[in-house]
Amino acid sequence: MSRQLLGRIAALFYVLNFVLGGLALMWTQKGQLAAADRITLLAAADYAVVALLLGLLFQPAGRALSWTVAVVGLAGCALSAAAPLHLFTSPVNALAVFGLYCLGLGTLIVRSAMLPRWIGALLMLGGFSWLTFASPALTQQLAPWNMAPGAIAELIFTLWLLILGVREQFRA
């Protein structure tokens, strides 16, 4: 499978994650928590696919780093799924884990130059915004503004992958 196709497939799953996340928020606001929980589980499974596809896509930037970043993304997915399954109460907000994931993903983009480096830098900035969710007090003080940088960075990254794809010539 070509890198272009792999990137675009990952982007399609990423778009689905945005849709599922929006639906989960909508159902939560309507008080339909059971429906929101089911959608959150679907979103976690979908994002796990994204993390694996991007791990494969960015292997040329460094196999160990690429798969470490993917594992961090999978850990965030597991934490996201734990809450609706009522398996355990995590002391760590899954969004903080996704902050580490975005920092790693941004690093892979900057190292590989598969996409413009500014997108990697933007993802790193978004990762820092997600890291604010490690502190409930800080989250409460910054909300809703701490959501914007991460969401915007991930949306730009997704749209770039979907529409323009990855560079054919990049640093391995």
N, C-alpha and C. Protein backbone atom coordinates (compact mmCIF):
# COMPACT_ATOMS: atom_id res chain seq x y z
N MET A 1 0.85 -1.17 0.00
CA MET A 1 0.00 0.00 0.00
C MET A 1 0.90 1.24 0.00
N SER A 2 0.55 2.20 -0.81
CA SER A 2 1.36 3.42 -0.90
C SER A 2 1.18 4.27 0.37
N ARG A 3 2.16 5.12 0.63
CA ARG A 3 2.08 6.04 1.78
C ARG A 3 0.90 7.00 1.60
N GLN A 4 0.67 7.44 0.35
CA GLN A 4 -0.46 8.34 0.09
C GLN A 4 -1.78 7.69 0.52
N LEU A 5 -1.98 6.46 0.08
CA LEU A 5 -3.22 5.75 0.40
C LEU A 5 -3.32 5.50 1.90
N LEU A 6 -2.24 5.09 2.51
CA LEU A 6 -2.21 4.85 3.94
C LEU A 6 -2.57 6.12 4.71
N GLY A 7 -1.99 7.25 4.33
CA GLY A 7 -2.29 8.52 4.97
C GLY A 7 -3.75 8.92 4.82
N ARG A 8 -4.28 8.71 3.64
CA ARG A 8 -5.68 9.10 3.40
C ARG A 8 -6.65 8.18 4.13
N ILE A 9 -6.33 6.91 4.23
CA ILE A 9 -7.18 6.00 5.00
C ILE A 9 -7.16 6.39 6.48
N ALA A 10 -5.96 6.70 6.99
CA ALA A 10 -5.85 7.16 8.38
C ALA A 10 -6.69 8.42 8.58
N ALA A 11 -6.65 9.33 7.62
CA ALA A 11 -7.42 10.58 7.72
C ALA A 11 -8.92 10.31 7.73
N LEU A 12 -9.37 9.35 6.93
CA LEU A 12 -10.81 9.01 6.93
C LEU A 12 -11.25 8.50 8.30
N PHE A 13 -10.43 7.64 8.90
CA PHE A 13 -10.75 7.18 10.25
C PHE A 13 -10.71 8.34 11.25
N TYR A 14 -9.79 9.27 11.04
CA TYR A 14 -9.68 10.45 11.91
C TYR A 14 -10.94 11.30 11.79
N VAL A 15 -11.44 11.49 10.56
CA VAL A 15 -12.68 12.25 10.35
C VAL A 15 -13.84 11.57 11.09
N LEU A 16 -13.89 10.24 10.98
CA LEU A 16 -14.94 9.50 11.69
C LEU A 16 -14.83 9.74 13.19
N ASN A 17 -13.61 9.85 13.70
CA ASN A 17 -13.43 10.10 15.13
C ASN A 17 -13.98 11.47 15.52
N PHE A 18 -13.77 12.48 14.67
CA PHE A 18 -14.34 13.80 14.95
C PHE A 18 -15.86 13.72 15.01
N VAL A 19 -16.46 12.99 14.08
CA VAL A 19 -17.91 12.85 14.05
C VAL A 19 -18.40 12.13 15.31
N LEU A 20 -17.75 11.03 15.64
CA LEU A 20 -18.16 10.26 16.82
C LEU A 20 -17.98 11.08 18.10
N GLY A 21 -16.89 11.80 18.20
CA GLY A 21 -16.67 12.64 19.37
C GLY A 21 -17.74 13.70 19.52
N GLY A 22 -18.11 14.32 18.41
CA GLY A 22 -19.18 15.32 18.43
C GLY A 22 -20.51 14.72 18.85
N LEU A 23 -20.79 13.54 18.33
CA LEU A 23 -22.05 12.86 18.71
C LEU A 23 -22.05 12.50 20.19
N ALA A 24 -20.92 12.02 20.70
CA ALA A 24 -20.84 11.67 22.12
C ALA A 24 -21.08 12.90 22.99
N LEU A 25 -20.48 14.03 22.61
CA LEU A 25 -20.71 15.27 23.37
C LEU A 25 -22.18 15.69 23.30
N MET A 26 -22.76 15.57 22.13
CA MET A 26 -24.16 15.95 21.96
C MET A 26 -25.07 15.09 22.83
N TRP A 27 -24.86 13.78 22.82
CA TRP A 27 -25.69 12.88 23.62
C TRP A 27 -25.47 13.10 25.11
N THR A 28 -24.25 13.44 25.50
CA THR A 28 -23.97 13.73 26.90
C THR A 28 -24.74 14.98 27.33
N GLN A 29 -24.72 16.02 26.50
CA GLN A 29 -25.44 17.25 26.83
C GLN A 29 -26.94 17.04 26.91
N LYS A 30 -27.45 16.08 26.16
CA LYS A 30 -28.89 15.78 26.19
C LYS A 30 -29.25 14.85 27.34
N GLY A 31 -28.23 14.42 28.10
CA GLY A 31 -28.48 13.52 29.23
C GLY A 31 -28.62 12.07 28.84
N GLN A 32 -28.34 11.75 27.60
CA GLN A 32 -28.43 10.37 27.10
C GLN A 32 -27.08 9.68 27.31
N LEU A 33 -26.76 9.40 28.56
CA LEU A 33 -25.42 8.91 28.89
C LEU A 33 -25.13 7.52 28.35
N ALA A 34 -26.12 6.66 28.30
CA ALA A 34 -25.89 5.31 27.77
C ALA A 34 -25.51 5.38 26.29
N ALA A 35 -26.21 6.21 25.54
CA ALA A 35 -25.89 6.38 24.12
C ALA A 35 -24.51 7.01 23.97
N ALA A 36 -24.21 8.02 24.79
CA ALA A 36 -22.91 8.67 24.74
C ALA A 36 -21.79 7.68 25.06
N ASP A 37 -22.02 6.80 26.01
CA ASP A 37 -21.02 5.78 26.36
C ASP A 37 -20.74 4.84 25.19
N ARG A 38 -21.79 4.40 24.51
CA ARG A 38 -21.61 3.50 23.36
C ARG A 38 -20.83 4.20 22.24
N ILE A 39 -21.16 5.45 22.00
CA ILE A 39 -20.46 6.21 20.96
C ILE A 39 -19.01 6.44 21.37
N THR A 40 -18.77 6.71 22.63
CA THR A 40 -17.40 6.90 23.12
C THR A 40 -16.58 5.63 22.91
N LEU A 41 -17.18 4.48 23.13
CA LEU A 41 -16.48 3.21 22.88
C LEU A 41 -16.13 3.05 21.40
N LEU A 42 -17.07 3.40 20.54
CA LEU A 42 -16.80 3.35 19.10
C LEU A 42 -15.68 4.32 18.73
N ALA A 43 -15.71 5.51 19.32
CA ALA A 43 -14.67 6.51 19.04
C ALA A 43 -13.31 6.01 19.51
N ALA A 44 -13.26 5.36 20.66
CA ALA A 44 -11.98 4.83 21.17
C ALA A 44 -11.44 3.75 20.23
N ALA A 45 -12.32 2.88 19.76
CA ALA A 45 -11.89 1.83 18.82
C ALA A 45 -11.42 2.44 17.51
N ASP A 46 -12.15 3.45 17.04
CA ASP A 46 -11.78 4.13 15.80
C ASP A 46 -10.41 4.80 15.95
N TYR A 47 -10.19 5.48 17.06
CA TYR A 47 -8.92 6.19 17.26
C TYR A 47 -7.77 5.20 17.40
N ALA A 48 -8.05 4.01 17.92
CA ALA A 48 -7.01 2.97 17.99
C ALA A 48 -6.55 2.61 16.58
N VAL A 49 -7.50 2.53 15.66
CA VAL A 49 -7.14 2.27 14.26
C VAL A 49 -6.28 3.41 13.71
N VAL A 50 -6.66 4.65 14.03
CA VAL A 50 -5.88 5.81 13.60
C VAL A 50 -4.45 5.71 14.12
N ALA A 51 -4.30 5.42 15.41
CA ALA A 51 -2.96 5.34 16.02
C ALA A 51 -2.11 4.27 15.34
N LEU A 52 -2.71 3.13 15.03
CA LEU A 52 -1.97 2.06 14.36
C LEU A 52 -1.59 2.44 12.93
N LEU A 53 -2.52 3.04 12.19
CA LEU A 53 -2.23 3.44 10.81
C LEU A 53 -1.15 4.52 10.77
N LEU A 54 -1.22 5.48 11.70
CA LEU A 54 -0.19 6.52 11.72
C LEU A 54 1.15 5.96 12.19
N GLY A 55 1.12 4.97 13.07
CA GLY A 55 2.36 4.30 13.46
C GLY A 55 3.04 3.69 12.26
N LEU A 56 2.27 3.07 11.41
CA LEU A 56 2.80 2.47 10.19
C LEU A 56 3.26 3.55 9.21
N LEU A 57 2.47 4.60 9.05
CA LEU A 57 2.79 5.67 8.12
C LEU A 57 4.12 6.35 8.46
N PHE A 58 4.35 6.60 9.74
CA PHE A 58 5.52 7.37 10.14
C PHE A 58 6.73 6.51 10.52
N GLN A 59 6.70 5.23 10.23
CA GLN A 59 7.86 4.37 10.50
C GLN A 59 9.16 4.91 9.90
N PRO A 60 9.14 5.47 8.69
CA PRO A 60 10.41 5.99 8.14
C PRO A 60 11.05 7.09 8.98
N ALA A 61 10.28 7.77 9.81
CA ALA A 61 10.84 8.82 10.67
C ALA A 61 11.56 8.23 11.88
N GLY A 62 11.42 6.96 12.07
CA GLY A 62 12.03 6.26 13.20
C GLY A 62 11.08 5.19 13.70
N ARG A 63 11.43 3.97 13.43
CA ARG A 63 10.53 2.85 13.77
C ARG A 63 10.19 2.84 15.27
N ALA A 64 11.20 2.94 16.12
CA ALA A 64 10.96 2.87 17.57
C ALA A 64 10.08 4.05 18.03
N LEU A 65 10.39 5.25 17.56
CA LEU A 65 9.60 6.41 17.96
C LEU A 65 8.17 6.31 17.43
N SER A 66 8.04 5.90 16.19
CA SER A 66 6.73 5.80 15.58
C SER A 66 5.82 4.85 16.36
N TRP A 67 6.35 3.69 16.73
CA TRP A 67 5.53 2.72 17.45
C TRP A 67 5.37 3.07 18.92
N THR A 68 6.32 3.81 19.49
CA THR A 68 6.14 4.31 20.86
C THR A 68 4.99 5.30 20.89
N VAL A 69 4.97 6.19 19.91
CA VAL A 69 3.87 7.17 19.81
C VAL A 69 2.54 6.43 19.61
N ALA A 70 2.52 5.40 18.78
CA ALA A 70 1.29 4.63 18.57
C ALA A 70 0.82 3.98 19.87
N VAL A 71 1.75 3.44 20.65
CA VAL A 71 1.39 2.80 21.93
C VAL A 71 0.81 3.84 22.90
N VAL A 72 1.37 5.04 22.91
CA VAL A 72 0.81 6.10 23.75
C VAL A 72 -0.63 6.41 23.30
N GLY A 73 -0.84 6.48 21.99
CA GLY A 73 -2.19 6.70 21.48
C GLY A 73 -3.14 5.59 21.88
N LEU A 74 -2.67 4.35 21.83
CA LEU A 74 -3.50 3.21 22.23
C LEU A 74 -3.81 3.26 23.73
N ALA A 75 -2.85 3.73 24.53
CA ALA A 75 -3.10 3.88 25.97
C ALA A 75 -4.21 4.92 26.21
N GLY A 76 -4.18 6.01 25.44
CA GLY A 76 -5.25 7.01 25.54
C GLY A 76 -6.60 6.41 25.15
N CYS A 77 -6.60 5.57 24.13
CA CYS A 77 -7.84 4.90 23.71
C CYS A 77 -8.35 3.98 24.81
N ALA A 78 -7.45 3.25 25.45
CA ALA A 78 -7.84 2.35 26.53
C ALA A 78 -8.44 3.12 27.69
N LEU A 79 -7.83 4.26 28.04
CA LEU A 79 -8.39 5.09 29.11
C LEU A 79 -9.75 5.65 28.71
N SER A 80 -9.90 6.02 27.44
CA SER A 80 -11.19 6.53 26.96
C SER A 80 -12.27 5.47 27.05
N ALA A 81 -11.90 4.23 26.79
CA ALA A 81 -12.87 3.12 26.83
C ALA A 81 -13.17 2.66 28.24
N ALA A 82 -12.25 2.87 29.17
CA ALA A 82 -12.44 2.39 30.54
C ALA A 82 -13.62 3.06 31.24
N ALA A 83 -13.79 4.35 31.02
CA ALA A 83 -14.86 5.08 31.70
C ALA A 83 -16.25 4.57 31.32
N PRO A 84 -16.60 4.48 30.02
CA PRO A 84 -17.95 3.99 29.70
C PRO A 84 -18.16 2.52 30.04
N LEU A 85 -17.07 1.77 30.13
CA LEU A 85 -17.20 0.36 30.51
C LEU A 85 -17.22 0.18 32.03
N HIS A 86 -16.96 1.27 32.75
CA HIS A 86 -16.94 1.27 34.22
C HIS A 86 -15.96 0.22 34.76
N LEU A 87 -14.81 0.11 34.08
CA LEU A 87 -13.80 -0.85 34.50
C LEU A 87 -13.02 -0.35 35.70
N PHE A 88 -12.65 0.90 35.66
CA PHE A 88 -11.92 1.53 36.76
C PHE A 88 -11.99 3.04 36.57
N THR A 89 -11.70 3.74 37.62
CA THR A 89 -11.64 5.19 37.55
C THR A 89 -10.17 5.58 37.44
N SER A 90 -9.84 6.19 36.34
CA SER A 90 -8.45 6.56 36.10
C SER A 90 -8.13 7.90 36.76
N PRO A 91 -6.98 7.97 37.41
CA PRO A 91 -6.58 9.26 37.96
C PRO A 91 -6.08 10.22 36.87
N VAL A 92 -5.90 9.69 35.67
CA VAL A 92 -5.38 10.48 34.55
C VAL A 92 -6.48 10.65 33.51
N ASN A 93 -6.70 11.87 33.09
CA ASN A 93 -7.65 12.15 32.02
C ASN A 93 -7.05 11.67 30.70
N ALA A 94 -7.83 10.96 29.91
CA ALA A 94 -7.34 10.44 28.63
C ALA A 94 -6.83 11.55 27.73
N LEU A 95 -7.40 12.75 27.82
CA LEU A 95 -6.94 13.85 26.97
C LEU A 95 -5.49 14.22 27.27
N ALA A 96 -5.06 14.07 28.52
CA ALA A 96 -3.66 14.34 28.86
C ALA A 96 -2.74 13.33 28.16
N VAL A 97 -3.18 12.09 28.07
CA VAL A 97 -2.40 11.07 27.36
C VAL A 97 -2.35 11.40 25.87
N PHE A 98 -3.47 11.86 25.34
CA PHE A 98 -3.47 12.27 23.93
C PHE A 98 -2.59 13.49 23.71
N GLY A 99 -2.35 14.26 24.76
CA GLY A 99 -1.39 15.36 24.66
C GLY A 99 0.01 14.82 24.38
N LEU A 100 0.40 13.79 25.09
CA LEU A 100 1.70 13.15 24.82
C LEU A 100 1.72 12.58 23.41
N TYR A 101 0.60 12.00 23.00
CA TYR A 101 0.49 11.42 21.65
C TYR A 101 0.70 12.51 20.59
N CYS A 102 0.04 13.64 20.75
CA CYS A 102 0.19 14.73 19.77
C CYS A 102 1.60 15.29 19.77
N LEU A 103 2.23 15.38 20.93
CA LEU A 103 3.63 15.82 20.98
C LEU A 103 4.51 14.87 20.16
N GLY A 104 4.30 13.58 20.35
CA GLY A 104 5.07 12.58 19.60
C GLY A 104 4.78 12.62 18.12
N LEU A 105 3.51 12.74 17.77
CA LEU A 105 3.12 12.80 16.36
C LEU A 105 3.71 14.03 15.69
N GLY A 106 3.68 15.16 16.38
CA GLY A 106 4.29 16.37 15.85
C GLY A 106 5.78 16.20 15.63
N THR A 107 6.44 15.53 16.56
CA THR A 107 7.87 15.24 16.42
C THR A 107 8.14 14.39 15.19
N LEU A 108 7.31 13.38 14.97
CA LEU A 108 7.47 12.52 13.78
C LEU A 108 7.31 13.31 12.49
N ILE A 109 6.38 14.23 12.47
CA ILE A 109 6.16 15.05 11.27
C ILE A 109 7.37 15.94 11.03
N VAL A 110 7.87 16.58 12.08
CA VAL A 110 9.03 17.46 11.93
C VAL A 110 10.25 16.66 11.48
N ARG A 111 10.46 15.47 12.06
CA ARG A 111 11.62 14.65 11.70
C ARG A 111 11.55 14.13 10.27
N SER A 112 10.37 13.74 9.84
CA SER A 112 10.25 13.10 8.52
C SER A 112 10.05 14.09 7.39
N ALA A 113 9.44 15.23 7.69
CA ALA A 113 9.05 16.22 6.67
C ALA A 113 8.09 15.60 5.65
N MET A 114 7.30 14.59 6.06
CA MET A 114 6.27 14.03 5.18
C MET A 114 5.15 15.03 4.94
N LEU A 115 4.98 15.91 5.89
CA LEU A 115 4.01 16.99 5.82
C LEU A 115 4.79 18.26 6.16
N PRO A 116 4.21 19.41 5.92
CA PRO A 116 4.91 20.64 6.30
C PRO A 116 5.23 20.63 7.80
N ARG A 117 6.41 21.11 8.13
CA ARG A 117 6.85 21.09 9.53
C ARG A 117 5.96 21.94 10.43
N TRP A 118 5.32 22.96 9.87
CA TRP A 118 4.45 23.80 10.69
C TRP A 118 3.27 22.99 11.23
N ILE A 119 2.86 21.96 10.50
CA ILE A 119 1.78 21.11 11.00
C ILE A 119 2.28 20.30 12.21
N GLY A 120 3.52 19.84 12.14
CA GLY A 120 4.11 19.16 13.29
C GLY A 120 4.19 20.08 14.49
N ALA A 121 4.62 21.31 14.26
CA ALA A 121 4.71 22.28 15.36
C ALA A 121 3.32 22.59 15.93
N LEU A 122 2.34 22.70 15.05
CA LEU A 122 0.97 22.95 15.49
C LEU A 122 0.44 21.79 16.33
N LEU A 123 0.75 20.56 15.91
CA LEU A 123 0.33 19.39 16.70
C LEU A 123 1.01 19.38 18.07
N MET A 124 2.27 19.81 18.12
CA MET A 124 2.95 19.88 19.42
C MET A 124 2.27 20.91 20.32
N LEU A 125 1.93 22.05 19.77
CA LEU A 125 1.21 23.07 20.53
C LEU A 125 -0.12 22.50 21.02
N GLY A 126 -0.81 21.80 20.13
CA GLY A 126 -2.07 21.15 20.53
C GLY A 126 -1.84 20.13 21.62
N GLY A 127 -0.72 19.40 21.54
CA GLY A 127 -0.39 18.43 22.57
C GLY A 127 -0.24 19.09 23.93
N PHE A 128 0.40 20.26 23.96
CA PHE A 128 0.54 20.98 25.22
C PHE A 128 -0.84 21.39 25.77
N SER A 129 -1.75 21.76 24.87
CA SER A 129 -3.09 22.14 25.34
C SER A 129 -3.81 20.93 25.93
N TRP A 130 -3.64 19.75 25.32
CA TRP A 130 -4.26 18.54 25.87
C TRP A 130 -3.63 18.17 27.22
N LEU A 131 -2.35 18.47 27.39
CA LEU A 131 -1.67 18.16 28.65
C LEU A 131 -2.26 18.94 29.83
N THR A 132 -2.93 20.05 29.57
CA THR A 132 -3.55 20.79 30.67
C THR A 132 -4.62 19.96 31.36
N PHE A 133 -5.11 18.92 30.69
CA PHE A 133 -6.14 18.06 31.28
C PHE A 133 -5.56 17.10 32.33
N ALA A 134 -4.26 17.15 32.53
CA ALA A 134 -3.64 16.35 33.60
C ALA A 134 -3.99 16.94 34.97
N SER A 135 -4.36 18.22 34.99
CA SER A 135 -4.72 18.89 36.24
C SER A 135 -6.18 19.32 36.19
N PRO A 136 -7.05 18.68 36.98
CA PRO A 136 -8.47 19.08 36.96
C PRO A 136 -8.67 20.57 37.28
N ALA A 137 -7.89 21.11 38.21
CA ALA A 137 -8.04 22.53 38.55
C ALA A 137 -7.67 23.42 37.37
N LEU A 138 -6.57 23.08 36.69
CA LEU A 138 -6.15 23.85 35.52
C LEU A 138 -7.15 23.70 34.38
N THR A 139 -7.66 22.50 34.22
CA THR A 139 -8.68 22.26 33.18
C THR A 139 -9.87 23.16 33.41
N GLN A 140 -10.33 23.23 34.65
CA GLN A 140 -11.50 24.04 34.97
C GLN A 140 -11.24 25.52 34.72
N GLN A 141 -10.03 25.98 35.05
CA GLN A 141 -9.70 27.39 34.85
C GLN A 141 -9.60 27.77 33.38
N LEU A 142 -9.09 26.86 32.56
CA LEU A 142 -8.83 27.16 31.15
C LEU A 142 -9.98 26.81 30.21
N ALA A 143 -10.91 25.98 30.67
CA ALA A 143 -12.00 25.53 29.81
C ALA A 143 -12.83 26.72 29.34
N PRO A 144 -13.28 26.75 28.12
CA PRO A 144 -13.12 25.77 27.05
C PRO A 144 -11.90 26.03 26.16
N TRP A 145 -11.11 27.04 26.52
CA TRP A 145 -10.02 27.48 25.65
C TRP A 145 -8.90 26.46 25.51
N ASN A 146 -8.76 25.55 26.47
CA ASN A 146 -7.70 24.55 26.37
C ASN A 146 -8.06 23.45 25.36
N MET A 147 -9.28 23.40 24.91
CA MET A 147 -9.68 22.41 23.91
C MET A 147 -9.33 22.88 22.49
N ALA A 148 -9.40 24.17 22.27
CA ALA A 148 -9.26 24.71 20.92
C ALA A 148 -7.93 24.39 20.23
N PRO A 149 -6.78 24.64 20.85
CA PRO A 149 -5.52 24.37 20.13
C PRO A 149 -5.37 22.91 19.70
N GLY A 150 -5.72 21.98 20.58
CA GLY A 150 -5.60 20.56 20.22
C GLY A 150 -6.57 20.16 19.13
N ALA A 151 -7.81 20.59 19.26
CA ALA A 151 -8.82 20.23 18.26
C ALA A 151 -8.49 20.84 16.90
N ILE A 152 -8.07 22.09 16.89
CA ILE A 152 -7.74 22.76 15.63
C ILE A 152 -6.53 22.10 14.98
N ALA A 153 -5.50 21.81 15.78
CA ALA A 153 -4.29 21.17 15.24
C ALA A 153 -4.61 19.81 14.64
N GLU A 154 -5.39 19.01 15.35
CA GLU A 154 -5.72 17.68 14.83
C GLU A 154 -6.61 17.77 13.60
N LEU A 155 -7.50 18.76 13.56
CA LEU A 155 -8.35 18.93 12.39
C LEU A 155 -7.53 19.35 11.17
N ILE A 156 -6.61 20.29 11.34
CA ILE A 156 -5.76 20.71 10.23
C ILE A 156 -4.91 19.54 9.73
N PHE A 157 -4.33 18.79 10.65
CA PHE A 157 -3.53 17.62 10.29
C PHE A 157 -4.39 16.62 9.49
N THR A 158 -5.58 16.37 9.97
CA THR A 158 -6.48 15.41 9.31
C THR A 158 -6.84 15.88 7.91
N LEU A 159 -7.24 17.13 7.80
CA LEU A 159 -7.63 17.66 6.48
C LEU A 159 -6.46 17.66 5.51
N TRP A 160 -5.26 17.98 6.01
CA TRP A 160 -4.09 17.98 5.13
C TRP A 160 -3.85 16.56 4.60
N LEU A 161 -3.89 15.58 5.52
CA LEU A 161 -3.69 14.19 5.09
C LEU A 161 -4.75 13.77 4.08
N LEU A 162 -5.98 14.13 4.34
CA LEU A 162 -7.09 13.72 3.48
C LEU A 162 -7.02 14.37 2.11
N ILE A 163 -6.75 15.66 2.07
CA ILE A 163 -6.81 16.40 0.81
C ILE A 163 -5.48 16.38 0.06
N LEU A 164 -4.40 16.65 0.75
CA LEU A 164 -3.10 16.79 0.08
C LEU A 164 -2.18 15.58 0.26
N GLY A 165 -2.45 14.77 1.26
CA GLY A 165 -1.64 13.57 1.48
C GLY A 165 -0.25 13.89 2.02
N VAL A 166 0.65 12.94 1.84
CA VAL A 166 2.02 13.09 2.33
C VAL A 166 2.96 13.32 1.15
N ARG A 167 4.12 13.90 1.45
CA ARG A 167 5.11 14.13 0.41
C ARG A 167 5.71 12.79 -0.02
N GLU A 168 5.94 12.70 -1.30
CA GLU A 168 6.58 11.49 -1.83
C GLU A 168 8.06 11.45 -1.44
N GLN A 169 8.68 12.62 -1.45
CA GLN A 169 10.09 12.73 -1.07
C GLN A 169 10.16 13.29 0.35
N PHE A 170 10.72 12.51 1.24
CA PHE A 170 10.84 12.94 2.63
C PHE A 170 12.11 12.36 3.21
N ARG A 171 12.47 12.85 4.40
CA ARG A 171 13.66 12.34 5.08
C ARG A 171 13.31 11.06 5.80
N ALA A 172 14.07 10.04 5.56
CA ALA A 172 13.84 8.77 6.27
C ALA A 172 14.79 8.65 7.43
